[in-house]
Amino acid sequence: MIFRTIALFLCLLSVATVSRAQPDFLRYGKLVAPAAPDPAITKALTIIDPSRIDQTIKTLVGFNTRNSLSSMESDLPAGSGVDAAADWIASEFESVSKSCGGCLEVKRDTFIADPASAAGTSWANRIPKPTRMTNVYAILRGSDPAQTQRMYLVTGHYDSRNSNVMDARGPAPGANDDASSRGIAGVRARPEHSSPSCNAGFRRGGR
């Protein structure tokens, strides 16, 4: 009787050990075959110019700061600050549109963000006074009339900040936060990279 009890214990112990060593996804799962490459994605990757993205990032870094509060600074050096960056982004969209016969609708959404309207929120604590904000965006109309109500959005922010969110004048290059996504959005806005059946919007905004 003692021998049978010991044998049963050892058997159960070995089963438990095997179960711990092999998770269910290994015991019962099957390998998933890699998906076939998407021809459209493959083509898009071959025509992307990394140097263009790099130049976009360097240009945005060159504005010294893109802090949203800098829009209210009237004595910044020429070619610096968030408004100068917004003007450049708009000009880039316009240049793309001109090269494709006006395929992009370039627009600006400018408004005053008033912290008094959001009193008590963390957002209000980041803006000390009413501040001008500008979103820059472009719309590429789709080719399918049946899908006019649909839209793909490529969005991000172009403003930047240093360790002091209230510093409207100090250097805030923001290469990876968020000039890099502006570089990607600029690529996607080009008609050779985007031929949507529905509408596509490319937005660059502040926070």
C-alpha atoms as a PDB file:
ATOM      1  CA  MET A   1       0.000   0.000   0.000  1.00  0.00           C
ATOM      2  CA  ILE A   2       2.831   2.380   0.895  1.00  0.00           C
ATOM      3  CA  PHE A   3       4.580   1.493  -2.386  1.00  0.00           C
ATOM      4  CA  ARG A   4       1.448   2.324  -4.420  1.00  0.00           C
ATOM      5  CA  THR A   5       1.053   5.672  -2.616  1.00  0.00           C
ATOM      6  CA  ILE A   6       4.671   6.615  -3.318  1.00  0.00           C
ATOM      7  CA  ALA A   7       4.369   5.552  -6.960  1.00  0.00           C
ATOM      8  CA  LEU A   8       1.200   7.609  -7.421  1.00  0.00           C
ATOM      9  CA  PHE A   9       2.864  10.645  -5.814  1.00  0.00           C
ATOM     10  CA  LEU A  10       5.881  10.385  -8.108  1.00  0.00           C
ATOM     11  CA  CYS A  11       3.625  10.048 -11.150  1.00  0.00           C
ATOM     12  CA  LEU A  12       1.633  13.147 -10.238  1.00  0.00           C
ATOM     13  CA  LEU A  13       4.855  15.054  -9.536  1.00  0.00           C
ATOM     14  CA  SER A  14       6.229  14.229 -12.982  1.00  0.00           C
ATOM     15  CA  VAL A  15       2.999  15.346 -14.683  1.00  0.00           C
ATOM     16  CA  ALA A  16       3.073  18.642 -12.761  1.00  0.00           C
ATOM     17  CA  THR A  17       6.703  19.173 -13.747  1.00  0.00           C
ATOM     18  CA  VAL A  18       5.931  18.597 -17.443  1.00  0.00           C
ATOM     19  CA  SER A  19       2.934  20.958 -17.225  1.00  0.00           C
ATOM     20  CA  ARG A  20       5.071  23.720 -15.733  1.00  0.00           C
ATOM     21  CA  ALA A  21       7.784  23.197 -18.333  1.00  0.00           C
ATOM     22  CA  GLN A  22       5.350  23.410 -21.268  1.00  0.00           C
ATOM     23  CA  PRO A  23       2.840  26.272 -21.324  1.00  0.00           C
ATOM     24  CA  ASP A  24      -0.432  25.597 -23.091  1.00  0.00           C
ATOM     25  CA  PHE A  25       0.567  27.651 -26.129  1.00  0.00           C
ATOM     26  CA  LEU A  26       3.539  25.318 -26.637  1.00  0.00           C
ATOM     27  CA  ARG A  27       1.664  22.093 -25.889  1.00  0.00           C
ATOM     28  CA  TYR A  28      -1.381  22.805 -28.041  1.00  0.00           C
ATOM     29  CA  GLY A  29      -0.524  25.787 -30.250  1.00  0.00           C
ATOM     30  CA  LYS A  30       0.600  25.713 -33.854  1.00  0.00           C
ATOM     31  CA  LEU A  31       3.213  27.849 -35.553  1.00  0.00           C
ATOM     32  CA  VAL A  32       1.793  30.753 -37.519  1.00  0.00           C
ATOM     33  CA  ALA A  33       3.168  31.151 -41.015  1.00  0.00           C
ATOM     34  CA  PRO A  34       4.444  34.648 -41.910  1.00  0.00           C
ATOM     35  CA  ALA A  35       1.965  36.690 -43.908  1.00  0.00           C
ATOM     36  CA  ALA A  36       2.812  37.419 -47.507  1.00  0.00           C
ATOM     37  CA  PRO A  37       4.242  40.925 -48.058  1.00  0.00           C
ATOM     38  CA  ASP A  38       1.632  43.520 -48.982  1.00  0.00           C
ATOM     39  CA  PRO A  39       2.590  44.816 -52.459  1.00  0.00           C
ATOM     40  CA  ALA A  40       1.349  48.332 -51.669  1.00  0.00           C
ATOM     41  CA  ILE A  41       3.461  48.552 -48.509  1.00  0.00           C
ATOM     42  CA  THR A  42       6.483  47.086 -50.278  1.00  0.00           C
ATOM     43  CA  LYS A  43       6.189  49.682 -53.039  1.00  0.00           C
ATOM     44  CA  ALA A  44       5.757  52.546 -50.566  1.00  0.00           C
ATOM     45  CA  LEU A  45       8.885  51.553 -48.672  1.00  0.00           C
ATOM     46  CA  THR A  46      10.997  51.596 -51.825  1.00  0.00           C
ATOM     47  CA  ILE A  47      10.159  55.226 -52.637  1.00  0.00           C
ATOM     48  CA  ILE A  48      10.540  56.738 -49.150  1.00  0.00           C
ATOM     49  CA  ASP A  49      13.565  59.011 -48.979  1.00  0.00           C
ATOM     50  CA  PRO A  50      15.140  58.840 -45.487  1.00  0.00           C
ATOM     51  CA  SER A  51      17.144  61.987 -46.185  1.00  0.00           C
ATOM     52  CA  ARG A  52      13.912  63.964 -46.614  1.00  0.00           C
ATOM     53  CA  ILE A  53      12.697  62.810 -43.194  1.00  0.00           C
ATOM     54  CA  ASP A  54      16.072  63.668 -41.693  1.00  0.00           C
ATOM     55  CA  GLN A  55      15.965  67.151 -43.220  1.00  0.00           C
ATOM     56  CA  THR A  56      12.466  67.763 -41.838  1.00  0.00           C
ATOM     57  CA  ILE A  57      13.626  66.858 -38.332  1.00  0.00           C
ATOM     58  CA  LYS A  58      16.690  69.108 -38.606  1.00  0.00           C
ATOM     59  CA  THR A  59      14.599  72.005 -39.882  1.00  0.00           C
ATOM     60  CA  LEU A  60      12.170  71.770 -36.966  1.00  0.00           C
ATOM     61  CA  VAL A  61      15.050  71.506 -34.496  1.00  0.00           C
ATOM     62  CA  GLY A  62      16.409  74.715 -36.037  1.00  0.00           C
ATOM     63  CA  PHE A  63      13.492  76.786 -34.703  1.00  0.00           C
ATOM     64  CA  ASN A  64      15.235  76.660 -31.281  1.00  0.00           C
ATOM     65  CA  THR A  65      11.949  76.167 -29.431  1.00  0.00           C
ATOM     66  CA  ARG A  66       8.486  75.142 -30.519  1.00  0.00           C
ATOM     67  CA  ASN A  67       6.981  75.606 -27.068  1.00  0.00           C
ATOM     68  CA  SER A  68       3.316  76.562 -27.503  1.00  0.00           C
ATOM     69  CA  LEU A  69       3.769  79.499 -25.124  1.00  0.00           C
ATOM     70  CA  SER A  70       6.282  81.058 -27.527  1.00  0.00           C
ATOM     71  CA  SER A  71       3.384  82.123 -29.762  1.00  0.00           C
ATOM     72  CA  MET A  72       2.804  85.002 -27.332  1.00  0.00           C
ATOM     73  CA  GLU A  73       6.447  86.150 -27.305  1.00  0.00           C
ATOM     74  CA  SER A  74       6.781  89.188 -29.567  1.00  0.00           C
ATOM     75  CA  ASP A  75      10.549  89.621 -29.434  1.00  0.00           C
ATOM     76  CA  LEU A  76      11.876  86.179 -30.359  1.00  0.00           C
ATOM     77  CA  PRO A  77      14.728  86.058 -32.864  1.00  0.00           C
ATOM     78  CA  ALA A  78      13.522  85.858 -36.448  1.00  0.00           C
ATOM     79  CA  GLY A  79      12.860  82.316 -37.585  1.00  0.00           C
ATOM     80  CA  SER A  80      12.362  80.883 -34.110  1.00  0.00           C
ATOM     81  CA  GLY A  81       9.361  79.862 -32.048  1.00  0.00           C
ATOM     82  CA  VAL A  82       6.266  77.779 -32.620  1.00  0.00           C
ATOM     83  CA  ASP A  83       4.613  80.239 -35.046  1.00  0.00           C
ATOM     84  CA  ALA A  84       7.635  80.146 -37.348  1.00  0.00           C
ATOM     85  CA  ALA A  85       7.471  76.350 -37.260  1.00  0.00           C
ATOM     86  CA  ALA A  86       3.758  76.421 -38.117  1.00  0.00           C
ATOM     87  CA  ASP A  87       4.444  78.702 -41.093  1.00  0.00           C
ATOM     88  CA  TRP A  88       7.114  76.316 -42.361  1.00  0.00           C
ATOM     89  CA  ILE A  89       4.881  73.250 -42.002  1.00  0.00           C
ATOM     90  CA  ALA A  90       2.106  75.008 -43.909  1.00  0.00           C
ATOM     91  CA  SER A  91       4.561  75.984 -46.652  1.00  0.00           C
ATOM     92  CA  GLU A  92       5.693  72.358 -46.930  1.00  0.00           C
ATOM     93  CA  PHE A  93       2.122  71.163 -47.370  1.00  0.00           C
ATOM     94  CA  GLU A  94       1.567  73.910 -49.956  1.00  0.00           C
ATOM     95  CA  SER A  95       4.690  72.822 -51.832  1.00  0.00           C
ATOM     96  CA  VAL A  96       3.456  69.234 -51.947  1.00  0.00           C
ATOM     97  CA  SER A  97       0.046  70.401 -53.144  1.00  0.00           C
ATOM     98  CA  LYS A  98       1.595  72.520 -55.900  1.00  0.00           C
ATOM     99  CA  SER A  99       3.594  69.543 -57.149  1.00  0.00           C
ATOM    100  CA  CYS A 100       0.439  67.456 -57.538  1.00  0.00           C
ATOM    101  CA  GLY A 101      -1.825  70.058 -59.121  1.00  0.00           C
ATOM    102  CA  GLY A 102      -3.510  71.194 -55.911  1.00  0.00           C
ATOM    103  CA  CYS A 103      -4.283  67.734 -54.570  1.00  0.00           C
ATOM    104  CA  LEU A 104      -4.000  68.866 -50.929  1.00  0.00           C
ATOM    105  CA  GLU A 105      -6.321  71.263 -49.137  1.00  0.00           C
ATOM    106  CA  VAL A 106      -4.022  73.080 -46.722  1.00  0.00           C
ATOM    107  CA  LYS A 107      -5.718  74.634 -43.702  1.00  0.00           C
ATOM    108  CA  ARG A 108      -5.024  76.183 -40.319  1.00  0.00           C
ATOM    109  CA  ASP A 109      -7.079  75.994 -37.168  1.00  0.00           C
ATOM    110  CA  THR A 110      -6.022  78.891 -34.917  1.00  0.00           C
ATOM    111  CA  PHE A 111      -7.667  79.590 -31.570  1.00  0.00           C
ATOM    112  CA  ILE A 112      -6.965  81.041 -28.132  1.00  0.00           C
ATOM    113  CA  ALA A 113      -6.528  78.496 -25.352  1.00  0.00           C
ATOM    114  CA  ASP A 114      -7.713  80.173 -22.158  1.00  0.00           C
ATOM    115  CA  PRO A 115      -6.721  78.436 -18.908  1.00  0.00           C
ATOM    116  CA  ALA A 116      -9.676  80.067 -17.167  1.00  0.00           C
ATOM    117  CA  SER A 117     -11.998  77.873 -19.236  1.00  0.00           C
ATOM    118  CA  ALA A 118     -10.386  74.737 -17.807  1.00  0.00           C
ATOM    119  CA  ALA A 119      -9.735  75.870 -14.229  1.00  0.00           C
ATOM    120  CA  GLY A 120      -8.714  73.073 -11.895  1.00  0.00           C
ATOM    121  CA  THR A 121      -7.420  70.745 -14.623  1.00  0.00           C
ATOM    122  CA  SER A 122      -3.820  69.773 -15.295  1.00  0.00           C
ATOM    123  CA  TRP A 123      -4.128  71.366 -18.740  1.00  0.00           C
ATOM    124  CA  ALA A 124      -4.892  74.766 -17.207  1.00  0.00           C
ATOM    125  CA  ASN A 125      -1.774  74.546 -15.051  1.00  0.00           C
ATOM    126  CA  ARG A 126       0.429  74.319 -18.162  1.00  0.00           C
ATOM    127  CA  ILE A 127      -0.760  77.597 -19.689  1.00  0.00           C
ATOM    128  CA  PRO A 128      -0.309  80.703 -17.522  1.00  0.00           C
ATOM    129  CA  LYS A 129      -2.332  83.047 -19.740  1.00  0.00           C
ATOM    130  CA  PRO A 130      -4.550  82.976 -22.847  1.00  0.00           C
ATOM    131  CA  THR A 131      -2.323  81.559 -25.574  1.00  0.00           C
ATOM    132  CA  ARG A 132      -2.646  81.351 -29.345  1.00  0.00           C
ATOM    133  CA  MET A 133      -2.576  77.775 -30.660  1.00  0.00           C
ATOM    134  CA  THR A 134      -2.362  76.721 -34.286  1.00  0.00           C
ATOM    135  CA  ASN A 135      -3.085  73.350 -35.830  1.00  0.00           C
ATOM    136  CA  VAL A 136      -1.853  72.916 -39.398  1.00  0.00           C
ATOM    137  CA  TYR A 137      -3.422  70.220 -41.520  1.00  0.00           C
ATOM    138  CA  ALA A 138      -3.909  69.055 -45.072  1.00  0.00           C
ATOM    139  CA  ILE A 139      -6.674  66.977 -46.643  1.00  0.00           C
ATOM    140  CA  LEU A 140      -6.121  64.585 -49.539  1.00  0.00           C
ATOM    141  CA  ARG A 141      -9.495  63.765 -51.078  1.00  0.00           C
ATOM    142  CA  GLY A 142     -10.201  60.128 -51.893  1.00  0.00           C
ATOM    143  CA  SER A 143     -10.940  58.693 -55.314  1.00  0.00           C
ATOM    144  CA  ASP A 144     -14.117  56.763 -54.419  1.00  0.00           C
ATOM    145  CA  PRO A 145     -17.278  58.952 -54.192  1.00  0.00           C
ATOM    146  CA  ALA A 146     -18.996  56.221 -52.169  1.00  0.00           C
ATOM    147  CA  GLN A 147     -16.477  56.681 -49.359  1.00  0.00           C
ATOM    148  CA  THR A 148     -16.634  60.450 -48.968  1.00  0.00           C
ATOM    149  CA  GLN A 149     -17.709  60.133 -45.326  1.00  0.00           C
ATOM    150  CA  ARG A 150     -14.662  58.069 -44.378  1.00  0.00           C
ATOM    151  CA  MET A 151     -11.294  59.535 -43.442  1.00  0.00           C
ATOM    152  CA  TYR A 152      -7.909  58.214 -42.395  1.00  0.00           C
ATOM    153  CA  LEU A 153      -5.995  60.525 -40.064  1.00  0.00           C
ATOM    154  CA  VAL A 154      -2.219  60.842 -39.669  1.00  0.00           C
ATOM    155  CA  THR A 155      -1.690  63.063 -36.646  1.00  0.00           C
ATOM    156  CA  GLY A 156       0.956  64.261 -34.238  1.00  0.00           C
ATOM    157  CA  HIS A 157       2.185  67.413 -32.548  1.00  0.00           C
ATOM    158  CA  TYR A 158       4.900  69.758 -33.772  1.00  0.00           C
ATOM    159  CA  ASP A 159       5.398  71.744 -30.583  1.00  0.00           C
ATOM    160  CA  SER A 160       8.222  70.975 -28.159  1.00  0.00           C
ATOM    161  CA  ARG A 161       9.292  71.718 -24.597  1.00  0.00           C
ATOM    162  CA  ASN A 162      12.335  71.427 -22.403  1.00  0.00           C
ATOM    163  CA  SER A 163      12.308  70.247 -18.781  1.00  0.00           C
ATOM    164  CA  ASN A 164      10.447  73.428 -17.765  1.00  0.00           C
ATOM    165  CA  VAL A 165       7.069  73.384 -19.499  1.00  0.00           C
ATOM    166  CA  MET A 166       6.649  77.109 -18.778  1.00  0.00           C
ATOM    167  CA  ASP A 167       9.896  78.074 -20.543  1.00  0.00           C
ATOM    168  CA  ALA A 168       8.745  79.797 -23.718  1.00  0.00           C
ATOM    169  CA  ARG A 169      12.201  80.940 -24.831  1.00  0.00           C
ATOM    170  CA  GLY A 170      14.815  78.370 -23.827  1.00  0.00           C
ATOM    171  CA  PRO A 171      16.129  75.755 -26.287  1.00  0.00           C
ATOM    172  CA  ALA A 172      13.681  72.908 -26.871  1.00  0.00           C
ATOM    173  CA  PRO A 173      14.849  71.106 -30.048  1.00  0.00           C
ATOM    174  CA  GLY A 174      12.361  68.239 -29.760  1.00  0.00           C
ATOM    175  CA  ALA A 175      13.900  65.998 -32.431  1.00  0.00           C
ATOM    176  CA  ASN A 176      12.083  62.906 -31.156  1.00  0.00           C
ATOM    177  CA  ASP A 177       9.232  64.794 -29.461  1.00  0.00           C
ATOM    178  CA  ASP A 178       7.867  65.265 -31.937  1.00  0.00           C
ATOM    179  CA  ALA A 179       9.717  66.378 -35.040  1.00  0.00           C
ATOM    180  CA  SER A 180      10.223  62.762 -36.085  1.00  0.00           C
ATOM    181  CA  SER A 181       6.493  62.099 -36.508  1.00  0.00           C
ATOM    182  CA  ARG A 182       6.186  65.320 -38.540  1.00  0.00           C
ATOM    183  CA  GLY A 183       8.752  63.798 -40.876  1.00  0.00           C
ATOM    184  CA  ILE A 184       6.600  60.700 -41.311  1.00  0.00           C
ATOM    185  CA  ALA A 185       3.404  62.693 -41.800  1.00  0.00           C
ATOM    186  CA  GLY A 186       5.126  64.765 -44.457  1.00  0.00           C
ATOM    187  CA  VAL A 187       6.072  61.624 -46.344  1.00  0.00           C
ATOM    188  CA  ARG A 188       2.562  60.192 -46.143  1.00  0.00           C
ATOM    189  CA  ALA A 189       1.038  63.440 -47.416  1.00  0.00           C
ATOM    190  CA  ARG A 190       2.866  63.112 -50.713  1.00  0.00           C
ATOM    191  CA  PRO A 191       0.574  61.748 -53.440  1.00  0.00           C
ATOM    192  CA  GLU A 192       3.138  59.219 -54.623  1.00  0.00           C
ATOM    193  CA  HIS A 193       2.877  57.622 -51.165  1.00  0.00           C
ATOM    194  CA  SER A 194      -0.867  58.039 -50.601  1.00  0.00           C
ATOM    195  CA  SER A 195      -3.595  57.228 -53.103  1.00  0.00           C
ATOM    196  CA  PRO A 196      -6.554  56.563 -50.809  1.00  0.00           C
ATOM    197  CA  SER A 197     -10.005  55.542 -51.926  1.00  0.00           C
ATOM    198  CA  CYS A 198     -11.402  57.577 -49.020  1.00  0.00           C
ATOM    199  CA  ASN A 199     -10.245  60.908 -47.577  1.00  0.00           C
ATOM    200  CA  ALA A 200      -6.951  61.261 -45.703  1.00  0.00           C
ATOM    201  CA  GLY A 201      -6.072  63.974 -43.221  1.00  0.00           C
ATOM    202  CA  PHE A 202      -2.543  64.938 -42.137  1.00  0.00           C
ATOM    203  CA  ARG A 203      -2.608  67.040 -38.980  1.00  0.00           C
ATOM    204  CA  ARG A 204       0.198  68.737 -37.093  1.00  0.00           C
ATOM    205  CA  GLY A 205      -0.985  70.340 -33.883  1.00  0.00           C
ATOM    206  CA  GLY A 206       0.091  71.759 -30.556  1.00  0.00           C
ATOM    207  CA  ARG A 207      -0.717  70.494 -27.099  1.00  0.00           C
END
